[in-house]
Amino acid sequence: MNIFIDTQLWIYAFKKPQREKFISSEEYKEALQMHSKAVKFISDVLLNHIIYITTHQLAEIFHALAFRGIKTNSRQALNIIEK
């Protein structure tokens, strides 16, 4: 099956939550669960489906990885996008 994946799911999968960014341990645990679920979902989908992605999504993912929240090195973010 051919599918699109919402940009936020990619971001949840690629950015592991950092404990110091959360006020409570409950919020942190929820964020870790979302991260784990997103990683599993993306992994399963990559194995079983053809994923379509728009250039707008690529730009959005790069921006989120390199410039928002816990920042990923821009070269590393670009490598993720190129894959």
C-alpha atoms as a PDB file:
ATOM      1  CA  MET A   1       0.000   0.000   0.000  1.00  0.00           C
ATOM      2  CA  ASN A   2       1.172   3.560  -0.714  1.00  0.00           C
ATOM      3  CA  ILE A   3       0.822   6.016   2.167  1.00  0.00           C
ATOM      4  CA  PHE A   4       1.656   9.503   3.432  1.00  0.00           C
ATOM      5  CA  ILE A   5       2.843   9.948   7.019  1.00  0.00           C
ATOM      6  CA  ASP A   6       2.075  13.120   8.912  1.00  0.00           C
ATOM      7  CA  THR A   7       5.145  15.280   9.509  1.00  0.00           C
ATOM      8  CA  GLN A   8       4.686  15.242  13.277  1.00  0.00           C
ATOM      9  CA  LEU A   9       5.092  11.452  13.373  1.00  0.00           C
ATOM     10  CA  TRP A  10       8.489  11.758  11.655  1.00  0.00           C
ATOM     11  CA  ILE A  11       9.506  14.395  14.175  1.00  0.00           C
ATOM     12  CA  TYR A  12       8.364  12.296  17.155  1.00  0.00           C
ATOM     13  CA  ALA A  13      10.389   9.376  15.777  1.00  0.00           C
ATOM     14  CA  PHE A  14      13.590  11.310  15.097  1.00  0.00           C
ATOM     15  CA  LYS A  15      13.694  13.466  18.225  1.00  0.00           C
ATOM     16  CA  LYS A  16      14.008  11.604  21.511  1.00  0.00           C
ATOM     17  CA  PRO A  17      12.549  13.637  24.391  1.00  0.00           C
ATOM     18  CA  GLN A  18      15.024  15.139  26.857  1.00  0.00           C
ATOM     19  CA  ARG A  19      14.043  14.867  30.529  1.00  0.00           C
ATOM     20  CA  GLU A  20      15.131  18.408  31.441  1.00  0.00           C
ATOM     21  CA  LYS A  21      12.612  19.900  28.997  1.00  0.00           C
ATOM     22  CA  PHE A  22       9.604  18.568  30.929  1.00  0.00           C
ATOM     23  CA  ILE A  23       8.095  19.932  34.124  1.00  0.00           C
ATOM     24  CA  SER A  24       6.788  16.604  35.404  1.00  0.00           C
ATOM     25  CA  SER A  25       7.903  13.025  35.072  1.00  0.00           C
ATOM     26  CA  GLU A  26       4.382  12.168  33.831  1.00  0.00           C
ATOM     27  CA  GLU A  27       4.744  14.488  30.820  1.00  0.00           C
ATOM     28  CA  TYR A  28       8.205  13.092  30.134  1.00  0.00           C
ATOM     29  CA  LYS A  29       6.918   9.497  30.266  1.00  0.00           C
ATOM     30  CA  GLU A  30       4.095  10.382  27.863  1.00  0.00           C
ATOM     31  CA  ALA A  31       6.576  11.981  25.468  1.00  0.00           C
ATOM     32  CA  LEU A  32       8.819   8.898  25.647  1.00  0.00           C
ATOM     33  CA  GLN A  33       5.827   6.678  24.879  1.00  0.00           C
ATOM     34  CA  MET A  34       4.907   8.832  21.860  1.00  0.00           C
ATOM     35  CA  HIS A  35       8.522   8.678  20.685  1.00  0.00           C
ATOM     36  CA  SER A  36       8.636   4.871  21.050  1.00  0.00           C
ATOM     37  CA  LYS A  37       5.302   4.418  19.275  1.00  0.00           C
ATOM     38  CA  ALA A  38       6.397   6.720  16.439  1.00  0.00           C
ATOM     39  CA  VAL A  39       9.699   4.838  16.003  1.00  0.00           C
ATOM     40  CA  LYS A  40       7.882   1.507  15.889  1.00  0.00           C
ATOM     41  CA  PHE A  41       5.231   2.829  13.508  1.00  0.00           C
ATOM     42  CA  ILE A  42       7.799   4.332  11.122  1.00  0.00           C
ATOM     43  CA  SER A  43       9.906   1.150  11.216  1.00  0.00           C
ATOM     44  CA  ASP A  44       6.904  -1.065  10.478  1.00  0.00           C
ATOM     45  CA  VAL A  45       5.692   1.198   7.706  1.00  0.00           C
ATOM     46  CA  LEU A  46       9.125   1.372   6.044  1.00  0.00           C
ATOM     47  CA  LEU A  47       9.187  -2.413   5.854  1.00  0.00           C
ATOM     48  CA  ASN A  48       5.662  -2.918   4.561  1.00  0.00           C
ATOM     49  CA  HIS A  49       4.632   0.096   2.484  1.00  0.00           C
ATOM     50  CA  ILE A  50       5.734   2.628  -0.073  1.00  0.00           C
ATOM     51  CA  ILE A  51       5.855   6.019   1.595  1.00  0.00           C
ATOM     52  CA  TYR A  52       5.147   9.193  -0.298  1.00  0.00           C
ATOM     53  CA  ILE A  53       6.503  12.451   1.037  1.00  0.00           C
ATOM     54  CA  THR A  54       6.189  15.969  -0.308  1.00  0.00           C
ATOM     55  CA  THR A  55       8.993  18.486  -0.641  1.00  0.00           C
ATOM     56  CA  HIS A  56       7.079  20.643   1.828  1.00  0.00           C
ATOM     57  CA  GLN A  57       7.208  17.804   4.374  1.00  0.00           C
ATOM     58  CA  LEU A  58      10.940  17.368   3.802  1.00  0.00           C
ATOM     59  CA  ALA A  59      11.511  21.068   4.476  1.00  0.00           C
ATOM     60  CA  GLU A  60       9.279  20.926   7.551  1.00  0.00           C
ATOM     61  CA  ILE A  61      11.085  17.884   8.963  1.00  0.00           C
ATOM     62  CA  PHE A  62      14.505  19.450   8.319  1.00  0.00           C
ATOM     63  CA  HIS A  63      13.424  22.682  10.022  1.00  0.00           C
ATOM     64  CA  ALA A  64      12.033  20.806  13.039  1.00  0.00           C
ATOM     65  CA  LEU A  65      15.167  18.685  13.400  1.00  0.00           C
ATOM     66  CA  ALA A  66      17.744  21.428  12.889  1.00  0.00           C
ATOM     67  CA  PHE A  67      16.083  24.515  14.361  1.00  0.00           C
ATOM     68  CA  ARG A  68      13.288  23.653  16.852  1.00  0.00           C
ATOM     69  CA  GLY A  69      13.480  22.316  20.394  1.00  0.00           C
ATOM     70  CA  ILE A  70      16.440  20.029  20.970  1.00  0.00           C
ATOM     71  CA  LYS A  71      18.381  20.757  17.809  1.00  0.00           C
ATOM     72  CA  THR A  72      20.004  18.103  15.685  1.00  0.00           C
ATOM     73  CA  ASN A  73      23.219  19.056  13.943  1.00  0.00           C
ATOM     74  CA  SER A  74      22.149  20.504  10.566  1.00  0.00           C
ATOM     75  CA  ARG A  75      24.428  18.063   8.682  1.00  0.00           C
ATOM     76  CA  GLN A  76      22.838  15.142  10.559  1.00  0.00           C
ATOM     77  CA  ALA A  77      19.346  16.541   9.840  1.00  0.00           C
ATOM     78  CA  LEU A  78      20.250  16.799   6.143  1.00  0.00           C
ATOM     79  CA  ASN A  79      21.493  13.194   6.142  1.00  0.00           C
ATOM     80  CA  ILE A  80      18.150  12.067   7.588  1.00  0.00           C
ATOM     81  CA  ILE A  81      16.258  14.005   4.911  1.00  0.00           C
ATOM     82  CA  GLU A  82      18.419  12.626   2.106  1.00  0.00           C
ATOM     83  CA  LYS A  83      17.677   9.049   3.190  1.00  0.00           C
END
